[in-house]
């Protein structure tokens, strides 16, 4: 099986119609979102959700984010406290996921939530939102890649990785944000950061007047996607905070910084020659894939500032560089 690819700039209505048909038959569809490409399936259909896990090779204890068309739809499936509602009204639609208590008999299948009594909810922009409205049900949608690997930011990334396992890939061009959503959980009026992402913690604090509480160490319980220690990893090993290049390494840097031994690099990729963190985030996964495609066995990455979107970039790089089983 080779996936059909439909470009939404050529025929958006055909893409919507075809995607709805595949979803209704219980199969996942790769779709563009503003963060990364997602592998979407009916969040109420256990057979469809099972196919997500099988297609990705994803551990079933790792819950899925459920995507909604609007706040009214989200309220039918989850319970909002005042702080979560404020966050939703401020940042939705957009790259923010909220972990919320499930409503009783919500209809979202327990396979999507990994059996938890909470659900991660996000409202995407663009085609993904239009598809959810047309389909009429929430879509569970992790990144459209083999589990643990580098997330896809283009239809070509998806096709190269999962094209022989899918019926349909929707091409919406390059994902503009380039890293997954920020994941938050509000408990007792406090905001916990479960995964940094496309909305910076400083923006959340400004919007709510509350301090975002960051984890002090590895999570003992997987409450949300992206919490596994090793994740987002290319085939090559990743060396962080590099101040030099060793022979044969691929170099990924930020801001055209000088690096010792750069002449020994097998290839050089600059996330943003101007040092812009938004541009760096948008390029991160694509450049990791390009670096891996050179055939080098190791990728050296120069230091990335930790403020703003740099927090999300460093999170992804740390997981890419983590020891692998």
Protein backbone atom coordinates (compact mmCIF):
# COMPACT_ATOMS: atom_id res chain seq x y z
CA UNK A 1 0.00 0.00 0.00
CA UNK A 2 1.29 3.42 -0.96
CA UNK A 3 -0.40 6.48 0.49
CA UNK A 4 -2.42 8.78 -1.72
CA UNK A 5 -1.16 12.37 -1.34
CA UNK A 6 -3.56 15.29 -1.83
CA UNK A 7 -2.29 18.89 -1.85
CA UNK A 8 -4.78 21.23 -0.19
CA UNK A 9 -3.59 24.16 -2.30
CA UNK A 10 -4.74 22.23 -5.37
CA UNK A 11 -8.03 20.74 -4.12
CA UNK A 12 -8.99 21.51 -0.52
CA UNK A 13 -12.55 20.22 -0.88
CA UNK A 14 -11.35 16.90 -2.30
CA UNK A 15 -8.88 16.61 0.59
CA UNK A 16 -11.64 17.17 3.15
CA UNK A 17 -14.03 14.75 1.47
CA UNK A 18 -11.43 12.03 1.05
CA UNK A 19 -10.07 12.43 4.59
CA UNK A 20 -13.57 12.18 6.08
CA UNK A 21 -14.18 8.97 4.12
CA UNK A 22 -10.94 7.35 5.33
CA UNK A 23 -11.62 8.40 8.93
CA UNK A 24 -15.18 7.03 8.76
CA UNK A 25 -13.77 3.66 7.67
CA UNK A 26 -11.64 3.54 10.82
CA UNK A 27 -8.23 4.37 9.33
CA UNK A 28 -5.79 7.13 10.26
CA UNK A 29 -4.97 10.06 7.97
CA UNK A 30 -1.78 12.13 8.06
CA UNK A 31 -2.77 15.79 8.26
CA UNK A 32 -0.95 19.13 8.47
CA UNK A 33 -1.20 21.21 11.62
CA UNK A 34 0.62 24.39 12.61
CA UNK A 35 2.93 22.40 14.92
CA UNK A 36 3.90 19.18 13.08
CA UNK A 37 2.04 16.71 10.87
CA UNK A 38 -0.36 14.54 12.84
CA UNK A 39 -1.59 10.97 12.40
CA UNK A 40 -5.31 11.56 12.93
CA UNK A 41 -8.04 9.03 13.65
CA UNK A 42 -11.50 9.02 15.22
CA UNK A 43 -10.93 9.41 18.98
CA UNK A 44 -14.17 7.54 19.71
CA UNK A 45 -13.32 4.46 17.59
CA UNK A 46 -11.12 1.85 19.34
CA UNK A 47 -10.17 0.12 16.07
CA UNK A 48 -9.04 3.42 14.57
CA UNK A 49 -7.00 4.32 17.66
CA UNK A 50 -5.41 0.87 17.64
CA UNK A 51 -4.29 1.52 14.07
CA UNK A 52 -2.54 4.72 15.22
CA UNK A 53 -0.51 2.77 17.77
CA UNK A 54 0.24 -0.02 15.28
CA UNK A 55 1.23 2.35 12.47
CA UNK A 56 3.61 4.32 14.70
CA UNK A 57 4.82 1.39 16.82
CA UNK A 58 3.85 3.56 19.79
CA UNK A 59 3.64 2.22 23.36
CA UNK A 60 -0.02 2.07 24.42
CA UNK A 61 0.73 3.57 27.83
CA UNK A 62 1.57 6.82 26.03
CA UNK A 63 -1.70 8.82 25.71
CA UNK A 64 -2.79 10.71 22.61
CA UNK A 65 -3.84 14.35 22.24
CA UNK A 66 -7.44 14.74 21.12
CA UNK A 67 -8.04 17.62 18.72
CA UNK A 68 -11.28 19.59 18.73
CA UNK A 69 -12.87 22.05 16.30
CA UNK A 70 -13.75 24.70 18.89
CA UNK A 71 -14.14 25.37 22.61
CA UNK A 72 -17.79 24.30 22.58
CA UNK A 73 -16.79 20.85 21.28
CA UNK A 74 -14.02 20.60 23.87
CA UNK A 75 -16.48 21.36 26.67
CA UNK A 76 -18.59 18.38 25.64
CA UNK A 77 -15.69 16.05 26.39
CA UNK A 78 -13.77 17.65 29.28
CA UNK A 79 -14.27 19.77 32.40
CA UNK A 80 -12.64 23.21 32.46
CA UNK A 81 -11.53 24.96 35.65
CA UNK A 82 -11.28 28.79 35.54
CA UNK A 83 -7.52 28.89 34.83
CA UNK A 84 -7.75 26.29 32.06
CA UNK A 85 -10.63 28.24 30.52
CA UNK A 86 -8.54 31.41 30.58
CA UNK A 87 -5.70 29.59 28.86
CA UNK A 88 -8.07 28.14 26.26
CA UNK A 89 -9.64 31.51 25.51
CA UNK A 90 -6.20 33.13 25.18
CA UNK A 91 -4.24 30.56 23.18
CA UNK A 92 -6.80 28.50 21.23
CA UNK A 93 -6.68 27.78 18.39
CA UNK A 94 -2.94 27.30 18.58
CA UNK A 95 -0.03 25.18 19.83
CA UNK A 96 -1.27 24.61 23.39
CA UNK A 97 -2.60 21.34 24.86
CA UNK A 98 -4.47 21.25 28.16
CA UNK A 99 -4.75 18.12 30.30
CA UNK A 100 -8.32 18.14 31.64
CA UNK A 101 -10.65 15.78 33.53
CA UNK A 102 -12.78 13.67 31.21
CA UNK A 103 -16.53 14.06 31.42
CA UNK A 104 -18.35 10.88 32.34
CA UNK A 105 -19.39 8.97 29.22
CA UNK A 106 -17.48 11.48 27.09
CA UNK A 107 -17.27 9.09 24.16
CA UNK A 108 -13.49 9.38 23.86
CA UNK A 109 -12.21 5.83 24.01
CA UNK A 110 -9.89 4.81 26.85
CA UNK A 111 -7.28 3.67 24.32
CA UNK A 112 -6.78 7.33 23.37
CA UNK A 113 -6.25 8.35 27.01
CA UNK A 114 -4.16 5.28 27.93
CA UNK A 115 -6.81 4.51 30.55
CA UNK A 116 -6.35 7.81 32.40
CA UNK A 117 -9.29 9.83 33.72
CA UNK A 118 -7.89 12.90 31.98
CA UNK A 119 -7.55 13.86 28.33
CA UNK A 120 -5.16 16.13 26.46
CA UNK A 121 -7.10 18.58 24.27
CA UNK A 122 -5.91 21.00 21.61
CA UNK A 123 -7.63 23.22 19.05
CA UNK A 124 -5.55 23.35 15.87
CA UNK A 125 -5.69 25.99 13.15
CA UNK A 126 -6.28 25.64 9.42
CA UNK A 127 -7.06 22.42 7.59
CA UNK A 128 -7.05 20.29 10.74
CA UNK A 129 -9.80 22.41 12.30
CA UNK A 130 -11.83 22.32 9.08
CA UNK A 131 -11.50 18.54 8.95
CA UNK A 132 -12.72 18.10 12.55
CA UNK A 133 -15.74 20.31 11.82
CA UNK A 134 -16.52 18.35 8.66
CA UNK A 135 -16.09 14.98 10.39
CA UNK A 136 -17.99 16.04 13.48
CA UNK A 137 -15.95 14.11 16.05
CA UNK A 138 -12.65 14.74 17.89
CA UNK A 139 -9.52 13.36 16.27
CA UNK A 140 -6.74 11.71 18.24
CA UNK A 141 -3.53 12.75 16.52
CA UNK A 142 0.06 12.15 17.64
CA UNK A 143 2.89 13.12 15.29
CA UNK A 144 2.82 11.21 11.99
CA UNK A 145 6.11 9.36 12.35
CA UNK A 146 7.55 6.12 13.68
CA UNK A 147 7.44 6.30 17.47
CA UNK A 148 10.53 7.83 19.06
CA UNK A 149 11.79 9.28 15.80
CA UNK A 150 12.04 12.82 14.51
CA UNK A 151 8.64 14.48 14.09
CA UNK A 152 7.52 15.36 10.53
CA UNK A 153 7.07 18.95 9.42
CA UNK A 154 6.18 18.22 5.79
CA UNK A 155 4.10 15.72 3.84
CA UNK A 156 7.31 14.38 2.31
CA UNK A 157 8.65 13.54 5.77
CA UNK A 158 5.47 11.54 6.43
CA UNK A 159 5.52 9.77 3.09
CA UNK A 160 9.19 8.79 3.45
CA UNK A 161 8.56 7.31 6.90
CA UNK A 162 5.01 5.90 6.89
CA UNK A 163 3.88 6.15 3.27
CA UNK A 164 3.64 2.38 2.83
CA UNK A 165 1.44 2.06 5.93
CA UNK A 166 -1.11 4.80 5.22
CA UNK A 167 -4.02 5.27 2.86
CA UNK A 168 -3.89 9.07 2.74
CA UNK A 169 -1.50 11.95 3.41
CA UNK A 170 -2.78 15.52 3.20
CA UNK A 171 -0.11 17.98 2.02
CA UNK A 172 -0.45 21.43 3.59
CA UNK A 173 3.11 22.62 3.06
CA UNK A 174 5.71 23.14 5.77
CA UNK A 175 4.44 23.29 9.36
CA UNK A 176 4.96 26.92 10.46
CA UNK A 177 5.67 26.33 14.19
CA UNK A 178 7.79 23.21 13.71
CA UNK A 179 7.68 21.80 17.27
CA UNK A 180 4.80 20.16 19.08
CA UNK A 181 2.36 21.95 21.35
CA UNK A 182 3.10 23.07 24.88
CA UNK A 183 1.30 20.76 27.34
CA UNK A 184 -0.05 22.14 30.62
CA UNK A 185 -2.04 20.76 33.53
CA UNK A 186 -3.79 23.01 36.02
CA UNK A 187 -4.11 21.60 39.54
CA UNK A 188 -5.31 23.57 42.52
CA UNK A 189 -4.96 26.79 40.56
CA UNK A 190 -1.28 26.08 39.80
CA UNK A 191 0.02 25.53 36.28
CA UNK A 192 2.33 22.57 35.68
CA UNK A 193 4.42 22.38 32.51
CA UNK A 194 4.41 18.79 31.23
CA UNK A 195 6.06 19.55 27.90
CA UNK A 196 7.46 22.83 26.55
CA UNK A 197 6.35 23.62 23.02
CA UNK A 198 4.96 26.20 20.64
CA UNK A 199 3.68 28.57 23.35
CA UNK A 200 6.48 29.88 25.57
CA UNK A 201 6.12 29.66 29.35
CA UNK A 202 6.59 33.43 29.62
CA UNK A 203 3.50 33.98 27.46
CA UNK A 204 1.48 31.70 29.73
CA UNK A 205 2.64 33.54 32.84
CA UNK A 206 1.81 36.91 31.28
CA UNK A 207 -1.68 35.75 30.31
CA UNK A 208 -2.56 34.25 33.71
CA UNK A 209 -0.41 36.09 36.23
CA UNK A 210 0.65 32.67 37.56
CA UNK A 211 4.08 31.05 37.67
CA UNK A 212 4.51 28.02 35.44
CA UNK A 213 5.88 25.13 37.50
CA UNK A 214 8.49 23.08 35.65
CA UNK A 215 9.29 19.44 36.43
CA UNK A 216 12.28 18.84 38.72
CA UNK A 217 13.28 15.55 37.11
CA UNK A 218 12.10 12.70 34.89
CA UNK A 219 8.38 11.98 35.15
CA UNK A 220 7.42 8.96 37.25
CA UNK A 221 4.03 8.78 35.53
CA UNK A 222 3.32 9.43 31.86
CA UNK A 223 0.49 11.98 31.98
CA UNK A 224 0.82 13.33 28.46
CA UNK A 225 2.60 12.75 25.14
CA UNK A 226 6.27 13.73 24.80
CA UNK A 227 7.24 12.77 28.36
CA UNK A 228 9.36 9.72 27.46
CA UNK A 229 13.04 10.29 28.23
CA UNK A 230 14.16 9.21 24.75
CA UNK A 231 12.10 10.73 21.96
CA UNK A 232 12.40 12.76 18.72
CA UNK A 233 15.62 10.87 17.92
CA UNK A 234 17.35 10.53 14.54
CA UNK A 235 19.30 7.38 13.67
CA UNK A 236 22.58 9.17 14.38
CA UNK A 237 23.58 9.89 17.97
CA UNK A 238 23.27 13.52 19.08
CA UNK A 239 25.96 15.47 20.99
CA UNK A 240 24.69 18.64 22.67
CA UNK A 241 26.33 21.95 23.64
CA UNK A 242 29.13 21.30 21.18
CA UNK A 243 31.94 23.88 20.99
CA UNK A 244 33.88 21.92 18.37
CA UNK A 245 33.32 19.48 15.52
CA UNK A 246 34.93 16.07 15.42
CA UNK A 247 35.86 14.51 12.06
CA UNK A 248 32.81 13.25 10.17
CA UNK A 249 30.19 14.81 12.45
CA UNK A 250 27.29 16.83 11.04
CA UNK A 251 27.04 20.24 12.67
CA UNK A 252 23.75 21.91 13.59
CA UNK A 253 24.27 25.43 14.90
CA UNK A 254 22.31 28.58 15.63
CA UNK A 255 23.20 32.07 14.51
CA UNK A 256 26.29 31.34 12.39
CA UNK A 257 28.39 30.99 15.57
CA UNK A 258 32.06 30.09 14.97
CA UNK A 259 32.86 26.50 15.90
CA UNK A 260 36.29 24.93 16.23
CA UNK A 261 37.03 22.26 13.67
CA UNK A 262 34.11 23.29 11.46
CA UNK A 263 36.15 22.35 8.40
CA UNK A 264 35.90 18.70 9.57
CA UNK A 265 32.08 18.69 9.48
CA UNK A 266 30.42 16.30 7.04
CA UNK A 267 27.66 18.92 6.60
CA UNK A 268 26.54 22.12 8.29
CA UNK A 269 22.97 23.23 9.02
CA UNK A 270 22.13 26.59 10.62
CA UNK A 271 18.75 26.62 12.37
CA UNK A 272 18.61 30.40 11.95
CA UNK A 273 21.56 32.47 10.71
CA UNK A 274 20.04 35.50 12.48
CA UNK A 275 19.55 33.59 15.74
CA UNK A 276 15.74 33.82 15.58
CA UNK A 277 14.30 31.11 17.85
CA UNK A 278 10.96 30.92 16.02
CA UNK A 279 12.80 30.22 12.76
CA UNK A 280 15.02 27.73 14.59
CA UNK A 281 12.01 25.85 15.98
CA UNK A 282 10.41 25.70 12.53
CA UNK A 283 13.62 24.22 11.06
CA UNK A 284 14.60 21.89 13.91
CA UNK A 285 13.03 18.58 12.89
CA UNK A 286 13.66 19.11 9.18
CA UNK A 287 17.36 19.76 9.82
CA UNK A 288 17.65 16.74 12.14
CA UNK A 289 16.22 14.63 9.32
CA UNK A 290 18.58 16.20 6.77
CA UNK A 291 21.55 15.66 9.07
CA UNK A 292 20.55 12.02 9.53
CA UNK A 293 20.19 11.56 5.77
CA UNK A 294 23.88 12.38 5.25
CA UNK A 295 24.73 8.99 6.71
CA UNK A 296 26.87 10.45 9.50
CA UNK A 297 26.82 8.52 12.77
CA UNK A 298 26.87 11.58 15.01
CA UNK A 299 25.31 15.03 15.02
CA UNK A 300 26.89 17.86 17.02
CA UNK A 301 24.59 20.69 18.13
CA UNK A 302 25.82 24.02 19.45
CA UNK A 303 24.20 25.56 22.59
CA UNK A 304 20.67 26.93 22.20
CA UNK A 305 19.44 29.77 24.48
CA UNK A 306 16.89 28.55 27.00
CA UNK A 307 14.41 31.42 26.83
CA UNK A 308 11.19 31.60 24.80
CA UNK A 309 10.92 28.83 22.19
CA UNK A 310 14.48 27.85 23.08
CA UNK A 311 13.02 25.91 26.01
CA UNK A 312 11.03 23.70 23.62
CA UNK A 313 14.00 23.31 21.24
CA UNK A 314 16.29 22.25 24.10
CA UNK A 315 13.66 19.82 25.39
CA UNK A 316 13.45 18.09 22.00
CA UNK A 317 17.23 18.01 21.62
CA UNK A 318 17.73 16.59 25.13
CA UNK A 319 15.29 13.77 24.38
CA UNK A 320 16.90 13.16 20.99
CA UNK A 321 20.27 12.84 22.72
CA UNK A 322 19.05 10.67 25.61
CA UNK A 323 20.29 7.06 25.99
CA UNK A 324 18.17 4.70 23.91
CA UNK A 325 16.93 1.24 24.77
